[in-house]
Amino acid sequence: MRDTLIALGVIFHLALDVTTTAGEAPKILAWSNTKTEDEKTVFRVKPGEQITFSVRAEGAEKHQWQVDGVVQEGAGNASFRWTVPANGGISKICVRTTNRAREQWAENDVAG
């Protein structure tokens, strides 16, 4: 029964454009989700739940949302509504930002 209650986990990952071209990269100032109503980035969810992820980024003109590495079509705003799939596992929700001064997307990955 415990396994059915812990059906899925969500990891919310924030990324910025970090190319070295002229202009400043957008700066993520805040983020939230409607599940926990705070800045938590890892939490449990149930299949069928609808969660809205939001990000506030200074200088951002474009947003790109990904679920498990797949770009979500039509999700180019500062918020993204996601329905938890029926299959179990962990899902990674990712947002990337850019602006006109920085024409290409790049993730801010830190190697450990």
N, C-alpha and C. Protein backbone atom coordinates (compact mmCIF):
# COMPACT_ATOMS: atom_id res chain seq x y z
N MET A 1 0.82 -1.18 0.00
CA MET A 1 0.00 0.00 0.00
C MET A 1 0.87 1.26 0.00
N ARG A 2 1.96 1.22 0.75
CA ARG A 2 2.87 2.37 0.78
C ARG A 2 3.39 2.68 -0.61
N ASP A 3 3.67 1.62 -1.41
CA ASP A 3 4.17 1.83 -2.76
C ASP A 3 3.17 2.58 -3.63
N THR A 4 1.89 2.36 -3.43
CA THR A 4 0.90 3.07 -4.24
C THR A 4 0.76 4.53 -3.82
N LEU A 5 1.04 4.85 -2.57
CA LEU A 5 0.97 6.23 -2.13
C LEU A 5 2.17 7.03 -2.62
N ILE A 6 3.30 6.36 -2.76
CA ILE A 6 4.51 7.01 -3.24
C ILE A 6 4.70 6.59 -4.70
N ALA A 7 3.79 7.04 -5.53
CA ALA A 7 3.80 6.62 -6.92
C ALA A 7 4.89 7.30 -7.73
N LEU A 8 5.07 8.58 -7.53
CA LEU A 8 6.02 9.33 -8.33
C LEU A 8 6.74 10.35 -7.48
N GLY A 9 7.90 10.70 -7.90
CA GLY A 9 8.60 11.83 -7.30
C GLY A 9 8.87 12.84 -8.39
N VAL A 10 9.01 14.10 -8.02
CA VAL A 10 9.29 15.14 -8.99
C VAL A 10 10.55 15.87 -8.56
N ILE A 11 11.43 16.08 -9.51
CA ILE A 11 12.62 16.89 -9.29
C ILE A 11 12.48 18.10 -10.20
N PHE A 12 12.46 19.28 -9.62
CA PHE A 12 12.34 20.53 -10.37
C PHE A 12 13.72 21.12 -10.48
N HIS A 13 14.20 21.27 -11.70
CA HIS A 13 15.58 21.73 -11.95
C HIS A 13 15.53 23.08 -12.65
N LEU A 14 16.28 24.03 -12.15
CA LEU A 14 16.36 25.35 -12.75
C LEU A 14 17.65 25.47 -13.52
N ALA A 15 17.57 26.07 -14.69
CA ALA A 15 18.77 26.25 -15.51
C ALA A 15 18.73 27.65 -16.10
N LEU A 16 19.91 28.20 -16.32
CA LEU A 16 20.04 29.52 -16.90
C LEU A 16 20.85 29.45 -18.18
N ASP A 17 20.71 30.47 -19.01
CA ASP A 17 21.57 30.61 -20.17
C ASP A 17 22.91 31.13 -19.67
N VAL A 18 23.98 30.43 -19.95
CA VAL A 18 25.30 30.84 -19.45
C VAL A 18 26.34 30.98 -20.56
N THR A 19 25.90 31.31 -21.77
CA THR A 19 26.86 31.48 -22.85
C THR A 19 27.69 32.73 -22.59
N THR A 20 28.77 32.88 -23.31
CA THR A 20 29.69 33.99 -23.05
C THR A 20 29.51 35.13 -24.04
N THR A 21 28.43 35.16 -24.81
CA THR A 21 28.20 36.26 -25.74
C THR A 21 27.83 37.52 -24.98
N ALA A 22 27.79 38.65 -25.68
CA ALA A 22 27.48 39.94 -25.04
C ALA A 22 26.08 39.91 -24.43
N GLY A 23 25.89 40.73 -23.41
CA GLY A 23 24.59 40.81 -22.75
C GLY A 23 24.58 39.95 -21.50
N GLU A 24 23.68 40.30 -20.62
CA GLU A 24 23.60 39.56 -19.37
C GLU A 24 22.63 38.39 -19.47
N ALA A 25 22.96 37.32 -18.80
CA ALA A 25 22.07 36.16 -18.75
C ALA A 25 20.91 36.45 -17.83
N PRO A 26 19.74 35.87 -18.09
CA PRO A 26 18.63 36.02 -17.16
C PRO A 26 19.02 35.46 -15.79
N LYS A 27 18.43 36.03 -14.77
CA LYS A 27 18.72 35.59 -13.41
C LYS A 27 17.43 35.11 -12.76
N ILE A 28 17.39 33.85 -12.36
CA ILE A 28 16.20 33.31 -11.71
C ILE A 28 16.14 33.86 -10.30
N LEU A 29 15.04 34.54 -10.00
CA LEU A 29 14.85 35.18 -8.70
C LEU A 29 14.01 34.34 -7.75
N ALA A 30 13.02 33.63 -8.28
CA ALA A 30 12.13 32.83 -7.43
C ALA A 30 11.43 31.78 -8.28
N TRP A 31 10.99 30.72 -7.62
CA TRP A 31 10.21 29.68 -8.28
C TRP A 31 9.24 29.10 -7.27
N SER A 32 8.22 28.44 -7.77
CA SER A 32 7.25 27.81 -6.88
C SER A 32 6.49 26.73 -7.63
N ASN A 33 5.72 25.98 -6.87
CA ASN A 33 4.84 24.97 -7.46
C ASN A 33 3.55 24.95 -6.65
N THR A 34 2.47 24.53 -7.28
CA THR A 34 1.18 24.52 -6.59
C THR A 34 1.00 23.31 -5.69
N LYS A 35 1.89 22.34 -5.74
CA LYS A 35 1.81 21.17 -4.88
C LYS A 35 2.21 21.52 -3.45
N THR A 36 3.38 22.14 -3.30
CA THR A 36 3.88 22.47 -1.96
C THR A 36 3.76 23.96 -1.64
N GLU A 37 3.45 24.76 -2.66
CA GLU A 37 3.29 26.21 -2.52
C GLU A 37 4.54 26.90 -1.97
N ASP A 38 5.71 26.37 -2.32
CA ASP A 38 6.97 26.97 -1.91
C ASP A 38 8.05 26.65 -2.93
N GLU A 39 9.29 26.83 -2.56
CA GLU A 39 10.40 26.61 -3.49
C GLU A 39 11.00 25.20 -3.42
N LYS A 40 10.28 24.25 -2.85
CA LYS A 40 10.81 22.87 -2.83
C LYS A 40 11.03 22.39 -4.26
N THR A 41 12.08 21.63 -4.44
CA THR A 41 12.38 21.11 -5.78
C THR A 41 12.24 19.60 -5.86
N VAL A 42 12.03 18.92 -4.74
CA VAL A 42 11.81 17.47 -4.75
C VAL A 42 10.62 17.19 -3.84
N PHE A 43 9.62 16.47 -4.36
CA PHE A 43 8.45 16.14 -3.54
C PHE A 43 7.70 14.97 -4.16
N ARG A 44 6.81 14.37 -3.38
CA ARG A 44 6.02 13.22 -3.82
C ARG A 44 4.72 13.69 -4.46
N VAL A 45 4.30 12.93 -5.45
CA VAL A 45 3.05 13.24 -6.14
C VAL A 45 2.28 11.96 -6.41
N LYS A 46 1.02 12.09 -6.81
CA LYS A 46 0.18 10.96 -7.15
C LYS A 46 -0.22 11.05 -8.62
N PRO A 47 -0.41 9.92 -9.28
CA PRO A 47 -0.84 9.94 -10.69
C PRO A 47 -2.12 10.75 -10.85
N GLY A 48 -2.17 11.55 -11.92
CA GLY A 48 -3.35 12.34 -12.21
C GLY A 48 -3.35 13.74 -11.60
N GLU A 49 -2.47 13.99 -10.62
CA GLU A 49 -2.40 15.33 -10.03
C GLU A 49 -1.96 16.33 -11.08
N GLN A 50 -2.50 17.55 -10.99
CA GLN A 50 -2.07 18.64 -11.85
C GLN A 50 -1.29 19.64 -11.01
N ILE A 51 -0.09 19.95 -11.47
CA ILE A 51 0.80 20.85 -10.73
C ILE A 51 1.25 21.95 -11.68
N THR A 52 1.21 23.18 -11.20
CA THR A 52 1.72 24.30 -11.99
C THR A 52 3.05 24.74 -11.40
N PHE A 53 4.07 24.77 -12.24
CA PHE A 53 5.39 25.24 -11.86
C PHE A 53 5.54 26.66 -12.39
N SER A 54 6.08 27.55 -11.57
CA SER A 54 6.27 28.94 -11.97
C SER A 54 7.68 29.39 -11.63
N VAL A 55 8.20 30.27 -12.47
CA VAL A 55 9.53 30.81 -12.25
C VAL A 55 9.49 32.32 -12.53
N ARG A 56 10.22 33.08 -11.73
CA ARG A 56 10.37 34.52 -11.97
C ARG A 56 11.84 34.76 -12.23
N ALA A 57 12.13 35.24 -13.44
CA ALA A 57 13.52 35.43 -13.84
C ALA A 57 13.72 36.82 -14.41
N GLU A 58 14.65 37.56 -13.83
CA GLU A 58 14.97 38.90 -14.30
C GLU A 58 15.67 38.82 -15.64
N GLY A 59 15.19 39.57 -16.62
CA GLY A 59 15.82 39.60 -17.94
C GLY A 59 15.42 38.45 -18.85
N ALA A 60 14.54 37.58 -18.43
CA ALA A 60 14.13 36.44 -19.26
C ALA A 60 13.04 36.87 -20.24
N GLU A 61 13.22 36.51 -21.48
CA GLU A 61 12.22 36.79 -22.51
C GLU A 61 11.61 35.50 -23.04
N LYS A 62 12.33 34.42 -22.91
CA LYS A 62 11.85 33.13 -23.39
C LYS A 62 12.05 32.10 -22.29
N HIS A 63 11.13 31.15 -22.21
CA HIS A 63 11.23 30.04 -21.25
C HIS A 63 11.04 28.74 -22.02
N GLN A 64 11.73 27.72 -21.59
CA GLN A 64 11.59 26.41 -22.21
C GLN A 64 11.43 25.39 -21.09
N TRP A 65 10.33 24.65 -21.10
CA TRP A 65 10.06 23.63 -20.08
C TRP A 65 10.30 22.26 -20.66
N GLN A 66 10.94 21.40 -19.86
CA GLN A 66 11.21 20.02 -20.26
C GLN A 66 10.71 19.08 -19.18
N VAL A 67 10.20 17.94 -19.61
CA VAL A 67 9.85 16.86 -18.69
C VAL A 67 10.68 15.66 -19.11
N ASP A 68 11.54 15.21 -18.22
CA ASP A 68 12.43 14.08 -18.49
C ASP A 68 13.19 14.26 -19.80
N GLY A 69 13.68 15.48 -20.04
CA GLY A 69 14.50 15.78 -21.20
C GLY A 69 13.74 16.08 -22.47
N VAL A 70 12.42 16.02 -22.46
CA VAL A 70 11.61 16.28 -23.65
C VAL A 70 11.01 17.68 -23.55
N VAL A 71 11.32 18.52 -24.53
CA VAL A 71 10.78 19.89 -24.56
C VAL A 71 9.27 19.81 -24.72
N GLN A 72 8.56 20.57 -23.89
CA GLN A 72 7.11 20.58 -23.90
C GLN A 72 6.61 21.65 -24.88
N GLU A 73 5.96 21.20 -25.94
CA GLU A 73 5.45 22.10 -26.97
C GLU A 73 4.40 23.04 -26.38
N GLY A 74 4.45 24.30 -26.76
CA GLY A 74 3.48 25.28 -26.30
C GLY A 74 3.70 25.76 -24.88
N ALA A 75 4.81 25.37 -24.26
CA ALA A 75 5.10 25.77 -22.88
C ALA A 75 6.26 26.76 -22.90
N GLY A 76 6.01 27.98 -23.34
CA GLY A 76 7.07 28.96 -23.45
C GLY A 76 6.91 30.14 -22.51
N ASN A 77 6.05 30.01 -21.52
CA ASN A 77 5.82 31.08 -20.56
C ASN A 77 6.55 30.82 -19.25
N ALA A 78 6.37 31.72 -18.31
CA ALA A 78 7.02 31.60 -17.01
C ALA A 78 6.35 30.57 -16.12
N SER A 79 5.24 30.00 -16.54
CA SER A 79 4.61 28.93 -15.77
C SER A 79 4.24 27.78 -16.70
N PHE A 80 4.13 26.60 -16.11
CA PHE A 80 3.89 25.38 -16.86
C PHE A 80 3.00 24.46 -16.04
N ARG A 81 1.87 24.02 -16.60
CA ARG A 81 0.96 23.11 -15.90
C ARG A 81 1.21 21.69 -16.39
N TRP A 82 1.43 20.79 -15.44
CA TRP A 82 1.81 19.42 -15.75
C TRP A 82 0.87 18.46 -15.05
N THR A 83 0.45 17.42 -15.76
CA THR A 83 -0.36 16.36 -15.17
C THR A 83 0.54 15.16 -14.94
N VAL A 84 0.56 14.68 -13.70
CA VAL A 84 1.41 13.55 -13.32
C VAL A 84 0.93 12.30 -14.08
N PRO A 85 1.83 11.62 -14.80
CA PRO A 85 1.44 10.43 -15.56
C PRO A 85 1.10 9.24 -14.65
N ALA A 86 0.41 8.27 -15.21
CA ALA A 86 -0.04 7.10 -14.45
C ALA A 86 1.10 6.16 -14.07
N ASN A 87 2.16 6.14 -14.87
CA ASN A 87 3.27 5.22 -14.57
C ASN A 87 4.12 5.75 -13.42
N GLY A 88 4.68 4.86 -12.65
CA GLY A 88 5.49 5.26 -11.50
C GLY A 88 6.89 5.68 -11.89
N GLY A 89 7.62 6.18 -10.93
CA GLY A 89 9.00 6.58 -11.17
C GLY A 89 9.25 8.01 -10.73
N ILE A 90 10.38 8.54 -11.16
CA ILE A 90 10.75 9.91 -10.83
C ILE A 90 10.75 10.71 -12.12
N SER A 91 10.13 11.87 -12.09
CA SER A 91 10.12 12.76 -13.24
C SER A 91 10.95 13.99 -12.94
N LYS A 92 11.67 14.46 -13.94
CA LYS A 92 12.50 15.66 -13.79
C LYS A 92 11.88 16.77 -14.64
N ILE A 93 11.46 17.84 -13.97
CA ILE A 93 10.89 19.00 -14.64
C ILE A 93 11.99 20.05 -14.69
N CYS A 94 12.26 20.58 -15.87
CA CYS A 94 13.37 21.50 -16.06
C CYS A 94 12.88 22.76 -16.77
N VAL A 95 13.36 23.92 -16.34
CA VAL A 95 13.06 25.17 -17.04
C VAL A 95 14.38 25.84 -17.40
N ARG A 96 14.43 26.36 -18.63
CA ARG A 96 15.59 27.12 -19.08
C ARG A 96 15.09 28.49 -19.54
N THR A 97 15.92 29.50 -19.39
CA THR A 97 15.55 30.85 -19.79
C THR A 97 16.61 31.44 -20.70
N THR A 98 16.19 32.38 -21.52
CA THR A 98 17.12 33.13 -22.36
C THR A 98 16.50 34.47 -22.68
N ASN A 99 17.26 35.32 -23.37
CA ASN A 99 16.74 36.61 -23.82
C ASN A 99 17.34 36.93 -25.18
N ARG A 100 16.97 38.07 -25.76
CA ARG A 100 17.43 38.42 -27.11
C ARG A 100 18.95 38.57 -27.21
N ALA A 101 19.57 39.05 -26.15
CA ALA A 101 21.02 39.24 -26.19
C ALA A 101 21.76 37.91 -26.25
N ARG A 102 21.11 36.86 -25.81
CA ARG A 102 21.71 35.52 -25.81
C ARG A 102 20.81 34.61 -26.63
N GLU A 103 21.20 34.37 -27.84
CA GLU A 103 20.34 33.69 -28.79
C GLU A 103 20.22 32.18 -28.59
N GLN A 104 21.12 31.57 -27.87
CA GLN A 104 21.05 30.12 -27.75
C GLN A 104 20.78 29.69 -26.32
N TRP A 105 20.19 28.50 -26.18
CA TRP A 105 19.88 27.92 -24.88
C TRP A 105 21.12 27.20 -24.37
N ALA A 106 21.35 27.30 -23.08
CA ALA A 106 22.43 26.54 -22.45
C ALA A 106 22.05 26.28 -21.02
N GLU A 107 22.26 25.06 -20.54
CA GLU A 107 21.94 24.75 -19.16
C GLU A 107 23.11 25.06 -18.25
N ASN A 108 22.80 25.41 -17.03
CA ASN A 108 23.82 25.68 -16.03
C ASN A 108 24.04 24.41 -15.22
N ASP A 109 24.79 23.48 -15.78
CA ASP A 109 25.07 22.22 -15.11
C ASP A 109 26.38 22.33 -14.34
N VAL A 110 26.36 21.85 -13.13
CA VAL A 110 27.56 21.87 -12.29
C VAL A 110 28.05 20.43 -12.15
N ALA A 111 29.25 20.17 -12.62
CA ALA A 111 29.82 18.82 -12.51
C ALA A 111 30.41 18.65 -11.12
N GLY A 112 30.16 17.48 -10.53
CA GLY A 112 30.64 17.26 -9.17
C GLY A 112 31.75 16.26 -9.11
